[in-house]
Amino acid sequence: MNDTMMRHTLRFAVILGLASTVACGAAEDASDEADEGPAVAEGAEETGVASDDLTASPKAESSLKWFASHKGSSSYEHYCEKAVENSYGRSGVYASAIANWNAQGSKRHAGDRKPPRGALVFWRTSVYGHVGVADGAGGFCSTSVGGRIGCAKIPYFQNYLGWAPAPF
């Protein structure tokens, strides 16, 4: 599917409220193979949520606590943007992780692997991208970590873009 067709498909999906079903590295074909989610970088390492003694805004702390309380759940698989927004008490702000990344403009820190606690971290895993929440200690929490909600060291997935402050 070419980029123009993908954009039109995404617009249509947004209108129907279905954008998150095709987001976050979901399979782009209709094969019967199980979708493994975003490609994991070589040597990737899963972790726990970094300690609460790192300073962050109350919203950032609440976001990371949301991920900790949902750890191991697969109910948000391929819904990374929805999970991140829900962790910040929001829903329906961006159609995809890449839409969120692009909206951040000059606030983006491309390639920087040391985001502050609560910042959003982004990957180009597909045309829709992937997003998680930084723990401030070199890790992040997100969906698709071993096929479920979990935490890992950055970059974990392939094609790391960088980070931006949470816009919520």
Protein backbone atom coordinates (compact mmCIF):
# COMPACT_ATOMS: atom_id res chain seq x y z
CA MET A 1 0.00 0.00 0.00
CA ASN A 2 1.53 3.36 -0.96
CA ASP A 3 1.74 6.38 1.37
CA THR A 4 -1.21 8.20 -0.22
CA MET A 5 -3.45 5.19 0.20
CA MET A 6 -2.26 4.76 3.80
CA ARG A 7 -3.07 8.41 4.60
CA HIS A 8 -6.55 8.05 3.11
CA THR A 9 -7.08 4.78 5.00
CA LEU A 10 -5.98 6.42 8.24
CA ARG A 11 -8.29 9.42 7.68
CA PHE A 12 -11.19 7.06 7.05
CA ALA A 13 -10.27 5.01 10.13
CA VAL A 14 -10.14 8.17 12.27
CA ILE A 15 -13.59 9.16 11.04
CA LEU A 16 -14.86 5.75 12.10
CA GLY A 17 -12.92 5.84 15.36
CA LEU A 18 -10.84 2.84 14.38
CA ALA A 19 -7.39 4.39 13.97
CA SER A 20 -5.85 2.67 16.95
CA THR A 21 -6.70 -0.77 15.57
CA VAL A 22 -4.11 -0.25 12.82
CA ALA A 23 -1.58 1.71 14.86
CA CYS A 24 1.59 0.89 16.78
CA GLY A 25 3.21 -1.54 14.43
CA ALA A 26 0.20 -3.69 13.68
CA ALA A 27 0.56 -5.96 10.69
CA GLU A 28 -0.04 -4.09 7.47
CA ASP A 29 -1.15 -7.12 5.52
CA ALA A 30 -4.03 -9.51 5.84
CA SER A 31 -1.93 -12.64 6.32
CA ASP A 32 -2.89 -15.31 8.81
CA GLU A 33 0.46 -15.01 10.60
CA ALA A 34 0.41 -13.79 14.19
CA ASP A 35 1.58 -10.18 14.47
CA GLU A 36 4.56 -9.82 16.77
CA GLY A 37 4.24 -6.02 17.09
CA PRO A 38 7.15 -3.62 16.49
CA ALA A 39 10.55 -5.11 15.69
CA VAL A 40 12.73 -5.37 18.78
CA ALA A 41 16.32 -4.10 18.59
CA GLU A 42 19.17 -6.57 18.99
CA GLY A 43 20.19 -6.89 22.64
CA ALA A 44 16.96 -5.25 23.88
CA GLU A 45 16.33 -5.53 27.60
CA GLU A 46 13.08 -5.49 29.59
CA THR A 47 13.02 -3.74 32.98
CA GLY A 48 10.70 -2.67 35.76
CA VAL A 49 9.46 0.89 36.28
CA ALA A 50 12.30 3.05 37.64
CA SER A 51 12.02 4.20 41.22
CA ASP A 52 9.66 6.99 42.27
CA ASP A 53 12.54 8.98 43.77
CA LEU A 54 13.26 10.58 40.39
CA THR A 55 11.56 13.96 40.13
CA ALA A 56 8.68 14.40 37.73
CA SER A 57 5.34 16.13 37.51
CA PRO A 58 2.35 14.55 39.26
CA LYS A 59 0.88 13.77 35.82
CA ALA A 60 4.07 11.93 34.79
CA GLU A 61 4.07 9.94 38.04
CA SER A 62 0.42 9.07 37.52
CA SER A 63 1.19 7.95 33.97
CA LEU A 64 3.97 5.61 35.09
CA LYS A 65 1.78 4.25 37.89
CA TRP A 66 -0.90 3.53 35.28
CA PHE A 67 1.61 1.47 33.29
CA ALA A 68 2.78 -0.33 36.44
CA SER A 69 -0.81 -1.24 37.34
CA HIS A 70 -1.44 -2.57 33.80
CA LYS A 71 1.89 -4.41 33.50
CA GLY A 72 1.48 -7.78 31.78
CA SER A 73 -1.83 -6.88 30.14
CA SER A 74 -2.19 -7.50 26.42
CA SER A 75 -5.48 -5.59 26.14
CA TYR A 76 -3.75 -2.50 24.70
CA GLU A 77 -1.62 -4.39 22.15
CA HIS A 78 -1.44 -2.22 18.97
CA TYR A 79 -3.04 0.64 20.88
CA CYS A 80 0.15 2.35 22.10
CA GLU A 81 -1.09 5.91 21.55
CA LYS A 82 -4.36 5.09 23.33
CA ALA A 83 -2.46 3.53 26.25
CA VAL A 84 -0.16 6.55 26.60
CA GLU A 85 -3.07 8.99 26.39
CA ASN A 86 -5.09 6.94 28.90
CA SER A 87 -2.09 6.87 31.24
CA TYR A 88 -2.23 10.67 31.22
CA GLY A 89 -6.00 10.68 31.73
CA ARG A 90 -6.78 11.58 28.11
CA SER A 91 -8.23 9.84 25.07
CA GLY A 92 -8.59 10.57 21.36
CA VAL A 93 -5.98 13.35 21.14
CA TYR A 94 -3.85 11.88 18.33
CA ALA A 95 -4.71 9.27 15.69
CA SER A 96 -1.31 7.59 15.96
CA ALA A 97 2.10 7.79 17.59
CA ILE A 98 3.59 9.37 14.44
CA ALA A 99 0.82 12.00 14.43
CA ASN A 100 1.76 12.80 18.04
CA TRP A 101 5.51 12.95 17.19
CA ASN A 102 4.88 15.22 14.19
CA ALA A 103 2.63 17.53 16.24
CA GLN A 104 5.44 18.19 18.74
CA GLY A 105 7.48 20.14 16.14
CA SER A 106 10.31 22.11 17.78
CA LYS A 107 9.75 20.38 21.14
CA ARG A 108 11.15 17.11 19.73
CA HIS A 109 14.56 15.83 20.81
CA ALA A 110 15.45 13.64 17.82
CA GLY A 111 17.80 10.75 18.59
CA ASP A 112 18.27 11.73 22.27
CA ARG A 113 18.23 8.52 24.33
CA LYS A 114 18.09 10.26 27.72
CA PRO A 115 14.53 11.58 28.03
CA PRO A 116 13.34 12.96 31.36
CA ARG A 117 10.80 11.08 33.47
CA GLY A 118 7.32 11.34 31.95
CA ALA A 119 8.48 12.40 28.47
CA LEU A 120 7.05 10.54 25.50
CA VAL A 121 9.48 8.38 23.52
CA PHE A 122 8.86 7.55 19.87
CA TRP A 123 9.84 4.98 17.23
CA ARG A 124 9.14 4.69 13.51
CA THR A 125 8.00 1.06 13.60
CA SER A 126 5.48 1.52 10.79
CA VAL A 127 3.65 4.43 9.17
CA TYR A 128 1.80 4.77 12.49
CA GLY A 129 4.86 4.57 14.76
CA HIS A 130 5.09 3.58 18.40
CA VAL A 131 5.10 5.59 21.63
CA GLY A 132 5.87 5.00 25.30
CA VAL A 133 6.52 6.97 28.50
CA ALA A 134 10.11 7.50 29.73
CA ASP A 135 10.99 6.48 33.28
CA GLY A 136 13.86 9.00 33.56
CA ALA A 137 16.48 6.28 34.14
CA GLY A 138 17.12 5.20 30.55
CA GLY A 139 13.97 3.14 30.20
CA PHE A 140 10.34 3.48 29.21
CA CYS A 141 6.96 1.81 29.67
CA SER A 142 4.64 0.97 26.79
CA THR A 143 2.64 -1.67 25.00
CA SER A 144 4.32 -4.36 22.86
CA VAL A 145 7.12 -5.08 25.35
CA GLY A 146 7.18 -8.83 24.94
CA GLY A 147 3.66 -8.66 23.50
CA ARG A 148 2.16 -6.90 26.52
CA ILE A 149 2.38 -3.75 28.63
CA GLY A 150 5.81 -3.60 30.20
CA CYS A 151 8.99 -1.60 30.64
CA ALA A 152 12.33 -1.83 28.86
CA LYS A 153 15.59 0.02 28.24
CA ILE A 154 15.70 2.55 25.40
CA PRO A 155 15.87 1.95 22.46
CA TYR A 156 14.33 -1.61 22.78
CA PHE A 157 12.47 -1.30 19.44
CA GLN A 158 14.20 -0.59 16.13
CA ASN A 159 14.10 2.88 14.52
CA TYR A 160 14.12 5.09 17.63
CA LEU A 161 13.08 8.67 16.78
CA GLY A 162 13.61 10.51 20.07
CA TRP A 163 11.46 12.09 22.76
CA ALA A 164 9.19 15.07 23.38
CA PRO A 165 7.55 16.44 26.53
CA ALA A 166 4.10 14.96 27.13
CA PRO A 167 1.59 17.40 25.59
CA PHE A 168 -1.25 16.36 27.92
